[in-house]
Amino acid sequence: MDTEVVNVSLKDSKSLTFNYDDDVLNKDPFDPKYIVTQENEEGLIQYFEKEIRDSFEYKTLIDMYKNILDVKSCVFFAGYNLLNKMKLEFHHHPFTLFDYTQAIVRKQMEVNGGYVLENEVEKEVTLIHYKLMVGLVPLDPTAHAQVHDGFLDIHPDLIIGNYEDFYEQYNKWIPETTRLKFQAYKEKYCDQKLGENLVYPKNFKYKPTIINASNKHLITAAAIDKLLIEDKLKKINNKEIQDLLK
């Protein structure tokens, strides 16, 4: 049987050689088929979410936002920037990744007659990201956590992406609860300008805190000098320190 040689490069410039049969190389990628039911829908969508986030295509998309679209700062803190070696995370808003995936699963269920193919679901979810039909917000980790905890509002002007296009094209397959959530979001901000009447957590305001060390009045310059005598450095023990602080 004919075979084809595939070389896999390694970091140390060496290579490994594998021989694969033609029927393996020419076979379509395995695409698991799932029957979606009311009982397994949530767990299945969460599984798809994880696979999408871990995929090469999704990571490439995030790199595209950072390097091609030049999205490098948190929307709340301009100084929190990739150029300052800080971590930037991307939050889906006002629809979650679960919402996008659920609508696509329900669409493909209708087209296929009750089942979905894993690769096709993940491919379509990734595709709407590349078409910029998904709302994304660049956030620092603290702001991201507070958004998820419900302590921080995100104004529509802070969102990158035409999520309205997604709503129009996939409305038929969006659950009623998700539609109501989206309508409530639109109504909340319909007449509100960015920065107007928004309430932010207290930690978003600069508030220096004085930390009082216990027994700090006992740590005098003279006591420290005694500890730093060169010929005693190797002989210092906890009892001596306690004696100095009496």
C-alpha atoms as a PDB file:
ATOM      1  CA  MET A   1       0.000   0.000   0.000  1.00  0.00           C
ATOM      2  CA  ASP A   2       1.307   3.480  -0.878  1.00  0.00           C
ATOM      3  CA  THR A   3       2.315   5.688   1.996  1.00  0.00           C
ATOM      4  CA  GLU A   4       3.212   9.357   2.435  1.00  0.00           C
ATOM      5  CA  VAL A   5       5.967  10.642   4.700  1.00  0.00           C
ATOM      6  CA  VAL A   6       5.064  13.446   7.108  1.00  0.00           C
ATOM      7  CA  ASN A   7       7.835  15.308   8.963  1.00  0.00           C
ATOM      8  CA  VAL A   8       7.041  16.897  12.325  1.00  0.00           C
ATOM      9  CA  SER A   9       9.553  19.613  13.288  1.00  0.00           C
ATOM     10  CA  LEU A  10      10.743  19.909  16.876  1.00  0.00           C
ATOM     11  CA  LYS A  11      12.173  22.904  18.743  1.00  0.00           C
ATOM     12  CA  ASP A  12      15.686  21.444  18.718  1.00  0.00           C
ATOM     13  CA  SER A  13      15.632  21.302  14.883  1.00  0.00           C
ATOM     14  CA  LYS A  14      15.460  17.506  14.872  1.00  0.00           C
ATOM     15  CA  SER A  15      12.512  15.769  13.242  1.00  0.00           C
ATOM     16  CA  LEU A  16      10.374  12.716  13.667  1.00  0.00           C
ATOM     17  CA  THR A  17       9.124  10.762  10.667  1.00  0.00           C
ATOM     18  CA  PHE A  18       5.726   9.061  10.620  1.00  0.00           C
ATOM     19  CA  ASN A  19       4.306   6.880   7.863  1.00  0.00           C
ATOM     20  CA  TYR A  20       0.568   7.156   7.289  1.00  0.00           C
ATOM     21  CA  ASP A  21      -1.492   5.053   4.916  1.00  0.00           C
ATOM     22  CA  ASP A  22      -3.194   6.904   2.083  1.00  0.00           C
ATOM     23  CA  ASP A  23      -6.644   5.909   3.312  1.00  0.00           C
ATOM     24  CA  VAL A  24      -5.895   7.616   6.634  1.00  0.00           C
ATOM     25  CA  LEU A  25      -4.551  10.811   5.061  1.00  0.00           C
ATOM     26  CA  ASN A  26      -7.441  11.102   2.607  1.00  0.00           C
ATOM     27  CA  LYS A  27     -10.166  10.387   5.144  1.00  0.00           C
ATOM     28  CA  ASP A  28     -12.327  13.322   6.236  1.00  0.00           C
ATOM     29  CA  PRO A  29     -11.645  14.551   9.789  1.00  0.00           C
ATOM     30  CA  PHE A  30     -13.710  12.792  12.429  1.00  0.00           C
ATOM     31  CA  ASP A  31     -16.798  14.914  13.131  1.00  0.00           C
ATOM     32  CA  PRO A  32     -18.797  13.641  16.120  1.00  0.00           C
ATOM     33  CA  LYS A  33     -22.570  13.665  15.685  1.00  0.00           C
ATOM     34  CA  TYR A  34     -24.759  14.612  18.660  1.00  0.00           C
ATOM     35  CA  ILE A  35     -28.470  14.205  19.172  1.00  0.00           C
ATOM     36  CA  VAL A  36     -29.485  17.295  21.157  1.00  0.00           C
ATOM     37  CA  THR A  37     -32.196  16.983  23.791  1.00  0.00           C
ATOM     38  CA  GLN A  38     -33.575  19.294  26.446  1.00  0.00           C
ATOM     39  CA  GLU A  39     -31.645  17.328  29.059  1.00  0.00           C
ATOM     40  CA  ASN A  40     -28.211  17.420  27.412  1.00  0.00           C
ATOM     41  CA  GLU A  41     -28.326  20.770  25.580  1.00  0.00           C
ATOM     42  CA  GLU A  42     -26.681  22.891  28.290  1.00  0.00           C
ATOM     43  CA  GLY A  43     -23.831  20.474  28.946  1.00  0.00           C
ATOM     44  CA  LEU A  44     -23.230  19.963  25.235  1.00  0.00           C
ATOM     45  CA  ILE A  45     -23.057  23.709  24.558  1.00  0.00           C
ATOM     46  CA  GLN A  46     -20.614  24.166  27.448  1.00  0.00           C
ATOM     47  CA  TYR A  47     -18.455  21.448  25.906  1.00  0.00           C
ATOM     48  CA  PHE A  48     -18.533  23.231  22.528  1.00  0.00           C
ATOM     49  CA  GLU A  49     -17.610  26.505  24.274  1.00  0.00           C
ATOM     50  CA  LYS A  50     -14.495  24.968  25.785  1.00  0.00           C
ATOM     51  CA  GLU A  51     -13.441  23.425  22.494  1.00  0.00           C
ATOM     52  CA  ILE A  52     -13.896  26.780  20.733  1.00  0.00           C
ATOM     53  CA  ARG A  53     -11.878  28.732  23.318  1.00  0.00           C
ATOM     54  CA  ASP A  54      -9.069  26.165  23.130  1.00  0.00           C
ATOM     55  CA  SER A  55      -8.981  26.077  19.322  1.00  0.00           C
ATOM     56  CA  PHE A  56      -6.172  27.453  17.171  1.00  0.00           C
ATOM     57  CA  GLU A  57      -8.701  29.522  15.209  1.00  0.00           C
ATOM     58  CA  TYR A  58     -10.082  31.260  18.299  1.00  0.00           C
ATOM     59  CA  LYS A  59      -6.612  32.050  19.666  1.00  0.00           C
ATOM     60  CA  THR A  60      -5.654  33.430  16.258  1.00  0.00           C
ATOM     61  CA  LEU A  61      -8.761  35.626  16.354  1.00  0.00           C
ATOM     62  CA  ILE A  62      -7.745  37.119  19.711  1.00  0.00           C
ATOM     63  CA  ASP A  63      -4.253  37.763  18.341  1.00  0.00           C
ATOM     64  CA  MET A  64      -5.873  39.495  15.364  1.00  0.00           C
ATOM     65  CA  TYR A  65      -7.754  41.844  17.686  1.00  0.00           C
ATOM     66  CA  LYS A  66      -4.580  42.656  19.591  1.00  0.00           C
ATOM     67  CA  ASN A  67      -2.136  43.004  16.689  1.00  0.00           C
ATOM     68  CA  ILE A  68      -4.143  43.847  13.570  1.00  0.00           C
ATOM     69  CA  LEU A  69      -7.070  45.761  15.051  1.00  0.00           C
ATOM     70  CA  ASP A  70      -4.656  47.242  17.637  1.00  0.00           C
ATOM     71  CA  VAL A  71      -6.888  46.519  20.640  1.00  0.00           C
ATOM     72  CA  LYS A  72      -4.353  46.736  23.452  1.00  0.00           C
ATOM     73  CA  SER A  73      -6.038  48.491  26.408  1.00  0.00           C
ATOM     74  CA  CYS A  74      -8.741  47.759  28.949  1.00  0.00           C
ATOM     75  CA  VAL A  75     -11.807  49.889  28.169  1.00  0.00           C
ATOM     76  CA  PHE A  76     -11.853  51.137  31.770  1.00  0.00           C
ATOM     77  CA  PHE A  77      -8.133  51.645  32.383  1.00  0.00           C
ATOM     78  CA  ALA A  78      -6.115  53.090  29.489  1.00  0.00           C
ATOM     79  CA  GLY A  79      -2.915  52.476  31.462  1.00  0.00           C
ATOM     80  CA  TYR A  80      -3.724  48.787  31.694  1.00  0.00           C
ATOM     81  CA  ASN A  81      -2.125  48.027  28.371  1.00  0.00           C
ATOM     82  CA  LEU A  82      -0.429  45.151  26.581  1.00  0.00           C
ATOM     83  CA  LEU A  83       2.467  47.504  25.896  1.00  0.00           C
ATOM     84  CA  ASN A  84       3.012  47.627  29.660  1.00  0.00           C
ATOM     85  CA  LYS A  85       3.289  43.813  29.740  1.00  0.00           C
ATOM     86  CA  MET A  86      -0.160  43.458  31.304  1.00  0.00           C
ATOM     87  CA  LYS A  87      -2.698  40.719  30.589  1.00  0.00           C
ATOM     88  CA  LEU A  88      -5.770  41.597  28.529  1.00  0.00           C
ATOM     89  CA  GLU A  89      -8.911  39.444  28.445  1.00  0.00           C
ATOM     90  CA  PHE A  90     -11.865  39.581  26.037  1.00  0.00           C
ATOM     91  CA  HIS A  91     -15.397  39.475  27.392  1.00  0.00           C
ATOM     92  CA  HIS A  92     -18.432  38.591  25.246  1.00  0.00           C
ATOM     93  CA  HIS A  93     -21.200  41.187  25.628  1.00  0.00           C
ATOM     94  CA  PRO A  94     -24.183  41.631  25.598  1.00  0.00           C
ATOM     95  CA  PHE A  95     -24.461  38.032  24.350  1.00  0.00           C
ATOM     96  CA  THR A  96     -22.275  35.390  25.968  1.00  0.00           C
ATOM     97  CA  LEU A  97     -20.338  32.757  24.044  1.00  0.00           C
ATOM     98  CA  PHE A  98     -22.958  30.323  25.352  1.00  0.00           C
ATOM     99  CA  ASP A  99     -25.704  32.455  23.742  1.00  0.00           C
ATOM    100  CA  TYR A 100     -23.956  32.479  20.358  1.00  0.00           C
ATOM    101  CA  THR A 101     -23.266  28.755  20.469  1.00  0.00           C
ATOM    102  CA  GLN A 102     -26.818  27.907  21.574  1.00  0.00           C
ATOM    103  CA  ALA A 103     -28.379  29.810  18.666  1.00  0.00           C
ATOM    104  CA  ILE A 104     -26.085  28.070  16.182  1.00  0.00           C
ATOM    105  CA  VAL A 105     -26.774  24.655  17.712  1.00  0.00           C
ATOM    106  CA  ARG A 106     -30.527  25.232  17.408  1.00  0.00           C
ATOM    107  CA  LYS A 107     -30.153  26.434  13.827  1.00  0.00           C
ATOM    108  CA  GLN A 108     -28.141  23.365  12.826  1.00  0.00           C
ATOM    109  CA  MET A 109     -30.573  21.081  14.653  1.00  0.00           C
ATOM    110  CA  GLU A 110     -33.379  22.460  12.493  1.00  0.00           C
ATOM    111  CA  VAL A 111     -31.361  22.091   9.290  1.00  0.00           C
ATOM    112  CA  ASN A 112     -30.169  18.555  10.146  1.00  0.00           C
ATOM    113  CA  GLY A 113     -33.387  17.269  11.631  1.00  0.00           C
ATOM    114  CA  GLY A 114     -32.483  17.087  15.323  1.00  0.00           C
ATOM    115  CA  TYR A 115     -28.726  16.528  15.442  1.00  0.00           C
ATOM    116  CA  VAL A 116     -25.536  18.585  15.138  1.00  0.00           C
ATOM    117  CA  LEU A 117     -21.990  17.860  14.010  1.00  0.00           C
ATOM    118  CA  GLU A 118     -19.370  19.079  16.472  1.00  0.00           C
ATOM    119  CA  ASN A 119     -16.970  20.485  13.868  1.00  0.00           C
ATOM    120  CA  GLU A 120     -19.758  22.302  12.026  1.00  0.00           C
ATOM    121  CA  VAL A 121     -21.017  23.990  15.205  1.00  0.00           C
ATOM    122  CA  GLU A 122     -17.544  25.116  16.218  1.00  0.00           C
ATOM    123  CA  LYS A 123     -16.771  26.246  12.682  1.00  0.00           C
ATOM    124  CA  GLU A 124     -19.873  28.444  12.463  1.00  0.00           C
ATOM    125  CA  VAL A 125     -19.334  29.968  15.924  1.00  0.00           C
ATOM    126  CA  THR A 126     -15.763  30.820  14.943  1.00  0.00           C
ATOM    127  CA  LEU A 127     -16.929  32.199  11.595  1.00  0.00           C
ATOM    128  CA  ILE A 128     -19.298  34.762  13.127  1.00  0.00           C
ATOM    129  CA  HIS A 129     -16.375  35.922  15.285  1.00  0.00           C
ATOM    130  CA  TYR A 130     -14.250  36.514  12.175  1.00  0.00           C
ATOM    131  CA  LYS A 131     -17.177  38.339  10.551  1.00  0.00           C
ATOM    132  CA  LEU A 132     -17.176  40.675  13.600  1.00  0.00           C
ATOM    133  CA  MET A 133     -20.792  39.711  14.366  1.00  0.00           C
ATOM    134  CA  VAL A 134     -19.830  39.099  17.997  1.00  0.00           C
ATOM    135  CA  GLY A 135     -19.586  41.755  20.714  1.00  0.00           C
ATOM    136  CA  LEU A 136     -16.226  41.700  22.509  1.00  0.00           C
ATOM    137  CA  VAL A 137     -14.898  43.974  25.252  1.00  0.00           C
ATOM    138  CA  PRO A 138     -11.176  44.144  26.210  1.00  0.00           C
ATOM    139  CA  LEU A 139     -10.828  44.077  30.000  1.00  0.00           C
ATOM    140  CA  ASP A 140      -8.172  43.673  32.650  1.00  0.00           C
ATOM    141  CA  PRO A 141      -8.710  40.574  34.857  1.00  0.00           C
ATOM    142  CA  THR A 142     -10.151  42.541  37.798  1.00  0.00           C
ATOM    143  CA  ALA A 143     -12.680  44.418  35.676  1.00  0.00           C
ATOM    144  CA  HIS A 144     -13.560  41.172  33.908  1.00  0.00           C
ATOM    145  CA  ALA A 145     -14.309  39.455  37.215  1.00  0.00           C
ATOM    146  CA  GLN A 146     -16.476  42.364  38.367  1.00  0.00           C
ATOM    147  CA  VAL A 147     -18.469  42.333  35.143  1.00  0.00           C
ATOM    148  CA  HIS A 148     -19.245  38.649  35.714  1.00  0.00           C
ATOM    149  CA  ASP A 149     -20.171  39.361  39.334  1.00  0.00           C
ATOM    150  CA  GLY A 150     -22.634  42.042  38.217  1.00  0.00           C
ATOM    151  CA  PHE A 151     -20.752  44.957  39.814  1.00  0.00           C
ATOM    152  CA  LEU A 152     -19.688  46.705  36.615  1.00  0.00           C
ATOM    153  CA  ASP A 153     -21.787  47.931  33.686  1.00  0.00           C
ATOM    154  CA  ILE A 154     -20.636  47.851  30.076  1.00  0.00           C
ATOM    155  CA  HIS A 155     -22.009  50.639  27.886  1.00  0.00           C
ATOM    156  CA  PRO A 156     -22.710  49.696  24.230  1.00  0.00           C
ATOM    157  CA  ASP A 157     -20.086  52.219  23.049  1.00  0.00           C
ATOM    158  CA  LEU A 158     -17.388  50.102  24.718  1.00  0.00           C
ATOM    159  CA  ILE A 159     -18.227  46.991  22.685  1.00  0.00           C
ATOM    160  CA  ILE A 160     -16.313  45.987  19.557  1.00  0.00           C
ATOM    161  CA  GLY A 161     -18.342  44.082  16.943  1.00  0.00           C
ATOM    162  CA  ASN A 162     -21.745  44.197  15.238  1.00  0.00           C
ATOM    163  CA  TYR A 163     -23.689  41.962  17.614  1.00  0.00           C
ATOM    164  CA  GLU A 164     -26.913  43.481  16.210  1.00  0.00           C
ATOM    165  CA  ASP A 165     -26.151  41.626  12.962  1.00  0.00           C
ATOM    166  CA  PHE A 166     -26.029  38.369  14.885  1.00  0.00           C
ATOM    167  CA  TYR A 167     -29.365  39.186  16.542  1.00  0.00           C
ATOM    168  CA  GLU A 168     -31.032  39.891  13.193  1.00  0.00           C
ATOM    169  CA  GLN A 169     -29.639  36.849  11.379  1.00  0.00           C
ATOM    170  CA  TYR A 170     -30.094  34.311  14.203  1.00  0.00           C
ATOM    171  CA  ASN A 171     -33.175  35.736  15.913  1.00  0.00           C
ATOM    172  CA  LYS A 172     -35.242  32.716  14.918  1.00  0.00           C
ATOM    173  CA  TRP A 173     -33.026  30.389  16.966  1.00  0.00           C
ATOM    174  CA  ILE A 174     -32.342  32.639  19.980  1.00  0.00           C
ATOM    175  CA  PRO A 175     -34.254  31.467  23.102  1.00  0.00           C
ATOM    176  CA  GLU A 176     -36.895  33.805  24.512  1.00  0.00           C
ATOM    177  CA  THR A 177     -34.966  34.325  27.757  1.00  0.00           C
ATOM    178  CA  THR A 178     -31.920  35.504  25.789  1.00  0.00           C
ATOM    179  CA  ARG A 179     -34.076  37.811  23.651  1.00  0.00           C
ATOM    180  CA  LEU A 180     -35.613  39.385  26.762  1.00  0.00           C
ATOM    181  CA  LYS A 181     -32.166  39.856  28.296  1.00  0.00           C
ATOM    182  CA  PHE A 182     -30.977  41.606  25.129  1.00  0.00           C
ATOM    183  CA  GLN A 183     -34.052  43.841  24.928  1.00  0.00           C
ATOM    184  CA  ALA A 184     -33.592  44.856  28.574  1.00  0.00           C
ATOM    185  CA  TYR A 185     -29.966  45.743  27.848  1.00  0.00           C
ATOM    186  CA  LYS A 186     -30.946  47.917  24.877  1.00  0.00           C
ATOM    187  CA  GLU A 187     -33.670  49.684  26.837  1.00  0.00           C
ATOM    188  CA  LYS A 188     -31.291  50.389  29.719  1.00  0.00           C
ATOM    189  CA  TYR A 189     -28.871  52.279  27.487  1.00  0.00           C
ATOM    190  CA  CYS A 190     -31.174  53.627  24.760  1.00  0.00           C
ATOM    191  CA  ASP A 191     -30.979  57.230  26.010  1.00  0.00           C
ATOM    192  CA  GLN A 192     -27.794  57.037  28.038  1.00  0.00           C
ATOM    193  CA  LYS A 193     -24.511  58.476  26.864  1.00  0.00           C
ATOM    194  CA  LEU A 194     -21.172  56.887  27.698  1.00  0.00           C
ATOM    195  CA  GLY A 195     -20.106  57.851  31.222  1.00  0.00           C
ATOM    196  CA  GLU A 196     -23.511  59.229  32.148  1.00  0.00           C
ATOM    197  CA  ASN A 197     -25.232  57.963  35.317  1.00  0.00           C
ATOM    198  CA  LEU A 198     -23.065  54.864  35.480  1.00  0.00           C
ATOM    199  CA  VAL A 199     -22.231  53.498  38.913  1.00  0.00           C
ATOM    200  CA  TYR A 200     -18.822  51.876  39.315  1.00  0.00           C
ATOM    201  CA  PRO A 201     -17.430  49.839  42.239  1.00  0.00           C
ATOM    202  CA  LYS A 202     -15.548  51.760  44.946  1.00  0.00           C
ATOM    203  CA  ASN A 203     -12.260  50.124  44.032  1.00  0.00           C
ATOM    204  CA  PHE A 204     -12.386  51.922  40.668  1.00  0.00           C
ATOM    205  CA  LYS A 205     -11.648  55.160  42.513  1.00  0.00           C
ATOM    206  CA  TYR A 206      -8.178  55.911  43.873  1.00  0.00           C
ATOM    207  CA  LYS A 207      -8.335  55.502  47.628  1.00  0.00           C
ATOM    208  CA  PRO A 208      -4.950  55.081  49.339  1.00  0.00           C
ATOM    209  CA  THR A 209      -4.904  52.900  52.428  1.00  0.00           C
ATOM    210  CA  ILE A 210      -2.499  53.325  55.345  1.00  0.00           C
ATOM    211  CA  ILE A 211      -1.299  49.970  56.650  1.00  0.00           C
ATOM    212  CA  ASN A 212      -0.419  49.956  60.342  1.00  0.00           C
ATOM    213  CA  ALA A 213       2.201  47.365  61.239  1.00  0.00           C
ATOM    214  CA  SER A 214       1.778  45.914  64.710  1.00  0.00           C
ATOM    215  CA  ASN A 215       4.460  47.033  67.214  1.00  0.00           C
ATOM    216  CA  LYS A 216       5.968  49.389  64.639  1.00  0.00           C
ATOM    217  CA  HIS A 217       6.771  51.921  67.398  1.00  0.00           C
ATOM    218  CA  LEU A 218       9.191  49.367  68.898  1.00  0.00           C
ATOM    219  CA  ILE A 219      11.189  48.981  65.682  1.00  0.00           C
ATOM    220  CA  THR A 220      13.588  51.899  66.218  1.00  0.00           C
ATOM    221  CA  ALA A 221      16.673  52.819  64.254  1.00  0.00           C
ATOM    222  CA  ALA A 222      18.851  51.836  67.195  1.00  0.00           C
ATOM    223  CA  ALA A 223      17.257  48.401  67.396  1.00  0.00           C
ATOM    224  CA  ILE A 224      17.721  47.831  63.671  1.00  0.00           C
ATOM    225  CA  ASP A 225      21.367  48.886  63.921  1.00  0.00           C
ATOM    226  CA  LYS A 226      21.949  46.202  66.526  1.00  0.00           C
ATOM    227  CA  LEU A 227      20.512  43.591  64.179  1.00  0.00           C
ATOM    228  CA  LEU A 228      22.728  44.684  61.299  1.00  0.00           C
ATOM    229  CA  ILE A 229      26.094  44.366  63.019  1.00  0.00           C
ATOM    230  CA  GLU A 230      28.079  42.431  60.451  1.00  0.00           C
ATOM    231  CA  ASP A 231      29.755  39.996  62.826  1.00  0.00           C
ATOM    232  CA  LYS A 232      26.383  39.047  64.308  1.00  0.00           C
ATOM    233  CA  LEU A 233      24.474  38.416  61.083  1.00  0.00           C
ATOM    234  CA  LYS A 234      24.955  34.668  61.255  1.00  0.00           C
ATOM    235  CA  LYS A 235      24.195  34.538  64.956  1.00  0.00           C
ATOM    236  CA  ILE A 236      20.859  36.368  64.973  1.00  0.00           C
ATOM    237  CA  ASN A 237      17.980  34.230  66.159  1.00  0.00           C
ATOM    238  CA  ASN A 238      14.324  34.764  66.931  1.00  0.00           C
ATOM    239  CA  LYS A 239      14.965  35.220  70.657  1.00  0.00           C
ATOM    240  CA  GLU A 240      17.339  38.112  70.029  1.00  0.00           C
ATOM    241  CA  ILE A 241      14.790  39.795  67.790  1.00  0.00           C
ATOM    242  CA  GLN A 242      12.114  39.354  70.451  1.00  0.00           C
ATOM    243  CA  ASP A 243      14.421  40.837  73.071  1.00  0.00           C
ATOM    244  CA  LEU A 244      15.033  43.904  70.900  1.00  0.00           C
ATOM    245  CA  LEU A 245      11.316  44.478  70.545  1.00  0.00           C
ATOM    246  CA  LYS A 246      10.575  44.326  74.259  1.00  0.00           C
END
